[in-house]
Structures are given as C-alpha cells and as structure tokens.
N, C-alpha and C. Protein backbone atom coordinates (compact mmCIF):
# COMPACT_ATOMS: atom_id res chain seq x y z
N MET A 1 -10.63 12.44 -12.34
CA MET A 1 -9.68 12.38 -12.90
C MET A 1 -7.94 12.08 -14.35
N ASN A 2 -6.99 13.06 -14.42
CA ASN A 2 -6.77 12.33 -15.15
C ASN A 2 -5.94 11.21 -15.42
N THR A 3 -5.88 10.45 -16.41
CA THR A 3 -6.08 8.87 -16.38
C THR A 3 -4.14 8.73 -16.52
N HIS A 4 -3.15 10.37 -16.89
CA HIS A 4 -2.16 10.20 -16.92
C HIS A 4 -1.22 10.69 -15.41
N VAL A 5 -2.73 11.23 -14.61
CA VAL A 5 -1.71 11.81 -13.16
C VAL A 5 -2.20 10.20 -12.22
N THR A 6 -2.71 9.24 -12.77
CA THR A 6 -3.57 8.00 -12.40
C THR A 6 -2.18 6.81 -12.22
N ALA A 7 -1.77 7.59 -13.98
CA ALA A 7 -0.62 6.78 -14.33
C ALA A 7 0.70 6.82 -13.62
N GLY A 8 0.88 8.01 -13.07
CA GLY A 8 2.66 8.41 -12.65
C GLY A 8 1.70 8.14 -11.05
N MET A 9 0.99 7.76 -10.78
CA MET A 9 0.16 7.26 -8.70
C MET A 9 0.99 5.83 -8.97
N LEU A 10 0.94 5.36 -10.53
CA LEU A 10 0.81 3.25 -9.84
C LEU A 10 2.31 3.65 -9.90
N GLU A 11 2.64 4.30 -11.16
CA GLU A 11 4.32 3.86 -11.19
C GLU A 11 4.70 4.12 -10.07
N CYS A 12 4.73 5.40 -9.09
CA CYS A 12 4.92 5.82 -8.14
C CYS A 12 5.29 4.22 -6.53
N ALA A 13 4.01 3.85 -7.13
CA ALA A 13 3.33 2.48 -6.27
C ALA A 13 4.50 1.45 -6.33
N ARG A 14 4.65 1.59 -7.73
CA ARG A 14 5.24 -0.19 -8.13
C ARG A 14 6.50 0.43 -8.09
N ASN A 15 6.77 2.04 -8.55
CA ASN A 15 8.31 1.17 -7.73
C ASN A 15 8.80 1.46 -6.07
N ILE A 16 8.13 1.34 -6.09
CA ILE A 16 8.86 1.32 -4.22
C ILE A 16 7.68 -0.56 -3.16
N CYS A 17 6.90 -0.66 -4.22
CA CYS A 17 6.32 -2.38 -3.98
C CYS A 17 7.58 -3.04 -4.47
N LEU A 18 7.64 -2.96 -5.49
CA LEU A 18 9.12 -3.84 -6.50
C LEU A 18 10.22 -3.62 -5.69
N ALA A 19 10.32 -2.66 -5.49
CA ALA A 19 12.05 -3.03 -5.31
C ALA A 19 11.99 -3.48 -3.74
N LEU A 20 10.75 -4.05 -3.46
CA LEU A 20 11.03 -4.78 -1.97
C LEU A 20 11.05 -6.32 -2.50
N PRO A 21 12.34 -6.98 -1.07
CA PRO A 21 12.41 -8.69 -1.52
C PRO A 21 11.85 -9.07 -2.39
N GLU A 22 11.58 -9.78 -3.52
CA GLU A 22 10.29 -10.84 -3.58
C GLU A 22 9.13 -10.32 -3.75
N ALA A 23 9.04 -9.43 -3.82
CA ALA A 23 7.35 -8.21 -4.18
C ALA A 23 7.08 -8.72 -5.28
N VAL A 24 5.50 -9.20 -5.69
CA VAL A 24 5.84 -8.54 -6.89
C VAL A 24 4.93 -8.32 -7.28
N GLU A 25 4.06 -7.91 -8.60
CA GLU A 25 2.63 -7.44 -8.85
C GLU A 25 1.32 -8.70 -9.44
N HIS A 26 0.18 -8.11 -9.61
CA HIS A 26 -0.29 -9.45 -9.27
C HIS A 26 -1.78 -8.20 -9.26
N ILE A 27 -2.86 -9.06 -10.61
CA ILE A 27 -3.82 -7.83 -11.52
C ILE A 27 -5.07 -9.00 -10.42
N ASP A 28 -5.89 -8.54 -9.96
CA ASP A 28 -6.65 -9.58 -8.78
C ASP A 28 -7.89 -9.16 -9.59
N GLY A 29 -9.20 -10.38 -8.74
CA GLY A 29 -10.40 -10.94 -9.52
C GLY A 29 -11.53 -9.40 -9.11
N PHE A 30 -11.09 -8.00 -9.57
CA PHE A 30 -11.71 -7.94 -9.61
C PHE A 30 -10.72 -5.79 -10.33
N GLY A 31 -9.41 -6.55 -11.25
CA GLY A 31 -8.84 -5.96 -12.03
C GLY A 31 -7.88 -4.71 -11.21
N HIS A 32 -7.95 -4.79 -9.20
CA HIS A 32 -7.05 -4.01 -8.92
C HIS A 32 -5.78 -4.43 -9.24
N ILE A 33 -4.53 -3.64 -9.34
CA ILE A 33 -3.71 -3.48 -9.06
C ILE A 33 -2.89 -4.41 -7.70
N THR A 34 -1.93 -5.11 -7.25
CA THR A 34 -2.19 -5.78 -6.48
C THR A 34 -0.53 -6.18 -5.89
N PHE A 35 0.03 -6.10 -5.40
CA PHE A 35 1.36 -5.78 -4.51
C PHE A 35 1.51 -7.50 -3.32
N LYS A 36 2.30 -8.02 -3.98
CA LYS A 36 1.95 -9.02 -2.46
C LYS A 36 3.13 -9.60 -2.52
N ILE A 37 2.87 -10.53 -1.24
CA ILE A 37 4.90 -10.89 -0.94
C ILE A 37 4.37 -12.49 0.08
N ASN A 38 4.93 -13.61 -0.91
CA ASN A 38 4.90 -14.70 -0.53
C ASN A 38 3.07 -15.23 -0.84
N GLU A 39 2.45 -15.02 -1.94
CA GLU A 39 0.93 -15.28 -2.21
C GLU A 39 0.30 -14.24 -1.11
N LYS A 40 0.78 -13.26 -0.52
CA LYS A 40 -0.09 -12.18 0.53
C LYS A 40 -0.28 -11.02 0.49
N SER A 41 -1.11 -10.42 0.17
CA SER A 41 -1.32 -8.92 -0.61
C SER A 41 -0.68 -7.58 0.94
N PHE A 42 -0.39 -6.62 0.16
CA PHE A 42 0.31 -6.21 1.11
C PHE A 42 0.16 -4.17 1.33
N VAL A 43 -0.78 -4.92 -0.56
CA VAL A 43 -0.47 -3.39 -0.91
C VAL A 43 -1.46 -3.39 -2.29
N ILE A 44 -2.91 -2.93 -2.30
CA ILE A 44 -3.38 -2.54 -3.50
C ILE A 44 -3.76 -1.79 -4.08
N THR A 45 -3.96 -1.19 -5.43
CA THR A 45 -4.37 -0.02 -5.52
C THR A 45 -5.33 -0.50 -6.76
N GLY A 46 -6.06 1.17 -6.51
CA GLY A 46 -7.59 0.96 -7.38
C GLY A 46 -8.11 2.59 -8.27
N GLU A 47 -8.89 2.28 -9.49
CA GLU A 47 -8.55 4.04 -9.96
C GLU A 47 -10.72 3.40 -10.35
N SER A 48 -10.18 5.03 -10.08
CA SER A 48 -12.64 4.82 -10.14
C SER A 48 -12.56 5.97 -10.89
N GLU A 49 -13.75 6.08 -10.84
CA GLU A 49 -14.26 8.21 -10.91
C GLU A 49 -13.53 9.40 -10.55
N ASN A 50 -13.48 9.11 -9.81
CA ASN A 50 -13.02 9.82 -8.30
C ASN A 50 -10.82 10.07 -8.05
N GLY A 51 -10.71 8.67 -9.50
CA GLY A 51 -9.42 9.12 -9.02
C GLY A 51 -8.87 7.83 -8.55
N PHE A 52 -7.95 7.98 -8.10
CA PHE A 52 -6.73 6.99 -7.52
C PHE A 52 -6.63 6.79 -6.37
N SER A 53 -7.03 4.78 -5.86
CA SER A 53 -6.89 4.65 -4.61
C SER A 53 -5.90 3.16 -4.61
N LEU A 54 -4.90 3.81 -2.64
CA LEU A 54 -4.48 3.76 -2.81
C LEU A 54 -4.56 2.65 -1.53
N SER A 55 -4.26 1.27 -0.95
CA SER A 55 -4.78 0.92 0.08
C SER A 55 -3.72 0.51 0.28
N PHE A 56 -2.95 0.01 1.84
CA PHE A 56 -2.08 -0.79 2.57
C PHE A 56 -2.38 -1.35 3.88
N LYS A 57 -2.13 -2.80 3.97
CA LYS A 57 -2.71 -3.43 5.30
C LYS A 57 -1.10 -2.74 6.64
N SER A 58 -2.08 -2.53 7.68
CA SER A 58 -1.52 -1.78 9.03
C SER A 58 -2.21 -2.54 9.94
N ASP A 59 -1.62 -2.50 11.15
CA ASP A 59 -2.33 -3.01 12.76
C ASP A 59 -3.31 -2.10 13.17
N ARG A 60 -3.75 -2.34 14.05
CA ARG A 60 -5.13 -1.70 14.08
C ARG A 60 -4.53 -0.09 14.90
N GLU A 61 -3.43 0.56 15.44
CA GLU A 61 -2.76 1.53 16.70
C GLU A 61 -2.29 1.63 14.69
N THR A 62 -1.18 1.29 14.24
CA THR A 62 -2.05 2.57 13.15
C THR A 62 -2.95 3.52 12.35
N GLN A 63 -3.32 2.20 12.38
CA GLN A 63 -4.99 2.13 11.66
C GLN A 63 -5.50 3.72 11.80
N ALA A 64 -5.70 3.35 13.19
CA ALA A 64 -6.15 4.11 14.54
C ALA A 64 -6.18 5.45 14.06
N LEU A 65 -4.48 5.83 14.34
CA LEU A 65 -4.04 7.24 14.52
C LEU A 65 -3.80 7.11 12.72
N LEU A 66 -3.43 7.05 11.38
CA LEU A 66 -4.01 7.18 9.83
C LEU A 66 -5.59 7.57 9.88
N LEU A 67 -6.65 7.47 10.51
CA LEU A 67 -8.18 7.69 10.37
C LEU A 67 -8.12 9.29 11.04
N LEU A 68 -7.25 9.82 11.84
CA LEU A 68 -7.70 11.23 12.55
C LEU A 68 -7.26 12.11 11.86
N LYS A 69 -6.78 11.39 10.04
CA LYS A 69 -6.24 12.21 9.79
C LYS A 69 -6.82 12.83 8.42
N GLU A 70 -7.43 13.22 8.07
CA GLU A 70 -8.57 13.78 6.23
C GLU A 70 -8.53 13.16 5.61
N LYS A 71 -6.98 12.10 5.23
CA LYS A 71 -7.18 11.94 3.79
C LYS A 71 -7.10 10.39 3.84
N PHE A 72 -7.47 9.80 4.77
CA PHE A 72 -7.39 8.22 5.10
C PHE A 72 -8.98 7.85 5.52
N PHE A 73 -8.96 6.83 5.56
CA PHE A 73 -9.77 6.14 5.92
C PHE A 73 -9.55 4.77 5.50
N LYS A 74 -10.56 4.29 6.21
CA LYS A 74 -10.72 2.98 6.12
C LYS A 74 -11.20 2.26 5.33
N THR A 75 -10.55 1.47 4.54
CA THR A 75 -11.33 0.15 3.59
C THR A 75 -11.98 -0.45 3.54
N PRO A 76 -12.72 -0.17 2.93
CA PRO A 76 -13.90 -0.93 2.60
C PRO A 76 -13.98 -2.19 2.04
N TYR A 77 -14.98 -3.44 3.23
CA TYR A 77 -14.77 -5.06 3.12
C TYR A 77 -13.05 -4.75 3.84
N ILE A 78 -12.42 -4.85 4.12
CA ILE A 78 -11.24 -5.17 5.23
C ILE A 78 -10.96 -4.03 6.09
N GLY A 79 -11.60 -3.92 5.71
CA GLY A 79 -10.81 -2.49 7.11
C GLY A 79 -10.72 -3.16 8.89
N ARG A 80 -11.35 -3.76 8.22
CA ARG A 80 -11.48 -4.77 9.53
C ARG A 80 -10.66 -5.19 10.25
N HIS A 81 -10.00 -5.74 9.16
CA HIS A 81 -8.84 -5.78 9.66
C HIS A 81 -7.96 -4.80 9.36
N GLY A 82 -7.59 -4.19 9.66
CA GLY A 82 -6.64 -3.34 9.50
C GLY A 82 -6.19 -2.58 8.56
N TRP A 83 -7.00 -2.10 7.13
CA TRP A 83 -6.77 -2.10 5.87
C TRP A 83 -7.02 -0.61 6.06
N VAL A 84 -5.88 0.53 5.50
CA VAL A 84 -6.32 2.32 5.08
C VAL A 84 -6.03 2.00 4.16
N THR A 85 -7.23 3.19 2.76
CA THR A 85 -6.85 4.05 1.86
C THR A 85 -6.58 5.32 2.57
N ILE A 86 -5.51 5.53 1.11
CA ILE A 86 -5.59 7.31 0.52
C ILE A 86 -6.45 6.98 -0.55
N LYS A 87 -7.15 7.86 -1.15
CA LYS A 87 -7.52 8.65 -1.91
C LYS A 87 -6.56 9.68 -2.74
N ASN A 88 -6.29 9.74 -4.25
CA ASN A 88 -5.49 10.44 -5.05
C ASN A 88 -4.51 11.91 -3.77
N PRO A 89 -3.13 10.65 -3.30
CA PRO A 89 -2.58 11.79 -2.54
C PRO A 89 -1.36 12.35 -3.77
N ASN A 90 -1.13 13.31 -2.52
CA ASN A 90 -0.25 14.04 -3.39
C ASN A 90 1.12 13.99 -3.52
N GLY A 91 2.09 14.74 -4.16
CA GLY A 91 3.75 14.80 -4.08
C GLY A 91 4.00 14.54 -2.41
N GLU A 92 3.12 15.74 -1.26
CA GLU A 92 3.90 15.64 0.03
C GLU A 92 3.34 14.44 0.68
N ASP A 93 2.38 13.63 -0.28
CA ASP A 93 2.47 12.09 0.94
C ASP A 93 2.65 10.59 0.77
N TRP A 94 3.76 10.55 -0.37
CA TRP A 94 4.28 9.61 -0.79
C TRP A 94 5.39 9.45 0.29
N ASP A 95 6.20 10.71 0.85
CA ASP A 95 7.46 10.49 2.04
C ASP A 95 6.45 9.19 3.56
N GLU A 96 5.66 9.80 3.89
CA GLU A 96 4.89 8.75 4.69
C GLU A 96 4.56 7.83 4.74
N LEU A 97 3.85 7.65 2.93
CA LEU A 97 3.23 6.62 2.00
C LEU A 97 4.49 4.87 1.74
N THR A 98 5.73 5.43 1.31
CA THR A 98 7.03 4.82 1.33
C THR A 98 6.93 3.81 2.69
N ASP A 99 7.01 4.43 4.05
CA ASP A 99 7.22 4.31 5.19
C ASP A 99 5.72 2.61 5.38
N LEU A 100 4.77 3.71 5.28
CA LEU A 100 3.56 3.01 5.17
C LEU A 100 3.22 1.47 4.30
N MET A 101 4.14 1.75 3.32
CA MET A 101 4.03 0.30 2.22
C MET A 101 5.23 -0.65 2.82
N GLN A 102 5.89 0.08 3.17
CA GLN A 102 7.09 -0.70 3.57
C GLN A 102 7.28 -2.23 4.88
N GLU A 103 6.45 -1.12 5.91
CA GLU A 103 5.67 -1.16 6.91
C GLU A 103 4.59 -2.37 6.27
N ALA A 104 4.09 -2.31 5.69
CA ALA A 104 3.14 -3.14 5.37
C ALA A 104 3.31 -4.34 5.06
N TYR A 105 4.52 -4.30 3.88
CA TYR A 105 5.58 -5.89 3.24
C TYR A 105 5.64 -6.37 4.26
N LEU A 106 6.76 -5.54 5.54
CA LEU A 106 6.97 -6.57 6.27
C LEU A 106 6.14 -7.69 7.21
N ARG A 107 4.29 -6.10 7.17
CA ARG A 107 3.23 -7.26 8.05
C ARG A 107 3.07 -8.26 7.17
N ALA A 108 3.27 -8.73 6.21
CA ALA A 108 3.73 -9.29 5.27
C ALA A 108 4.31 -10.65 4.83
N ALA A 109 5.27 -10.06 5.35
CA ALA A 109 6.11 -10.99 4.88
C ALA A 109 6.72 -12.18 5.15
N PRO A 110 7.45 -12.82 5.16
CA PRO A 110 7.94 -14.43 5.66
C PRO A 110 9.17 -13.99 7.21
N LYS A 111 9.28 -14.22 8.18
CA LYS A 111 10.42 -14.25 9.01
C LYS A 111 11.08 -13.75 8.34
N ARG A 112 12.47 -14.19 6.87
CA ARG A 112 13.04 -14.63 7.28
C ARG A 112 13.47 -13.37 6.26
N LEU A 113 12.27 -12.33 5.92
CA LEU A 113 12.25 -11.43 4.50
C LEU A 113 12.42 -10.42 5.73
N VAL A 114 11.67 -10.95 6.54
CA VAL A 114 11.81 -10.00 7.30
C VAL A 114 13.26 -9.66 8.78
N LYS A 115 13.67 -10.58 8.92
CA LYS A 115 15.28 -10.58 9.07
C LYS A 115 16.32 -10.17 8.25
N LYS A 116 16.16 -10.08 7.29
CA LYS A 116 16.93 -9.62 6.12
C LYS A 116 16.71 -8.23 6.18
N TRP A 117 15.23 -7.47 6.27
CA TRP A 117 15.31 -6.25 5.94
C TRP A 117 15.84 -5.73 7.15
N ASN A 118 15.16 -5.88 7.78
CA ASN A 118 15.86 -5.73 9.79
C ASN A 118 16.81 -5.50 9.50
N GLU A 119 17.96 -6.09 9.31
CA GLU A 119 19.24 -6.17 8.84
C GLU A 119 19.89 -5.13 8.51
N LEU A 120 19.06 -4.79 7.01
CA LEU A 120 19.71 -3.58 6.15
C LEU A 120 19.59 -2.71 7.00
N HIS A 121 18.75 -2.28 7.03
CA HIS A 121 17.69 -0.64 7.84
C HIS A 121 17.93 -0.04 8.35
N LEU A 122 17.94 -1.23 9.64
CA LEU A 122 18.31 -0.88 11.60
C LEU A 122 19.16 -0.59 12.12
C-alpha cells in the first residue's frame, strides 16, 4: 500500500484520538503508534505489507456485532479482551470509526473524564 495513503489514515486516527481530553500518542515496543489515556491503550495503529491497520478497545457485545461485518476482525493476541481491528479503512468507514475510537477512549478513561465527556456530549 502507498505510504502516502497510510500516512493519511494515521493522520485521521491521530486527529480523532488527540482531540480527546488528556489522550497521548506513544510508540510501543513493537513500533506501533498507540493512543493512551491514563497509561491505558485505547487505539493502536500499525502498518505492514498489507497496509494500514487500526485496532481499538471494545466491549464483547460491540465486538460480536462488528465481527459480523466483513471488514472487521478480532485483534491478534488482545482480541480475547474485546479488541477489534480494521485494515485499510476507506473514507466511508471514518464516521463509524470516530464513534468507535471515542467509545474506546471512554472505556479506558478515568471516571472524571468520562463524566466530563458525558456532560459535554450527551
């Protein structure tokens, strides 16, 4: 996959994640760009010969629903904890992915930030 395309997808993920209160970007021990809140990962990006991948923390119910869709799959190693991955998301995927990444953030965020988020968005 074109490096310019994957850089654009990473930039989309970065813009969504870093707009969330106190979220930080970190490069993990495997070289993946990981977005964290309070030292807890909520989104992990990767790049391979197959292109760009985006993984996010989910609950089991949401994970089961997403796995019914062809483009999503259980994240290797951490999928048993509810993580889901999509490879090479296209333009129409980003609205749904924005919601899913925000939900992932809320699953990892401390209660004070969840409360603040809910006050601003509900």
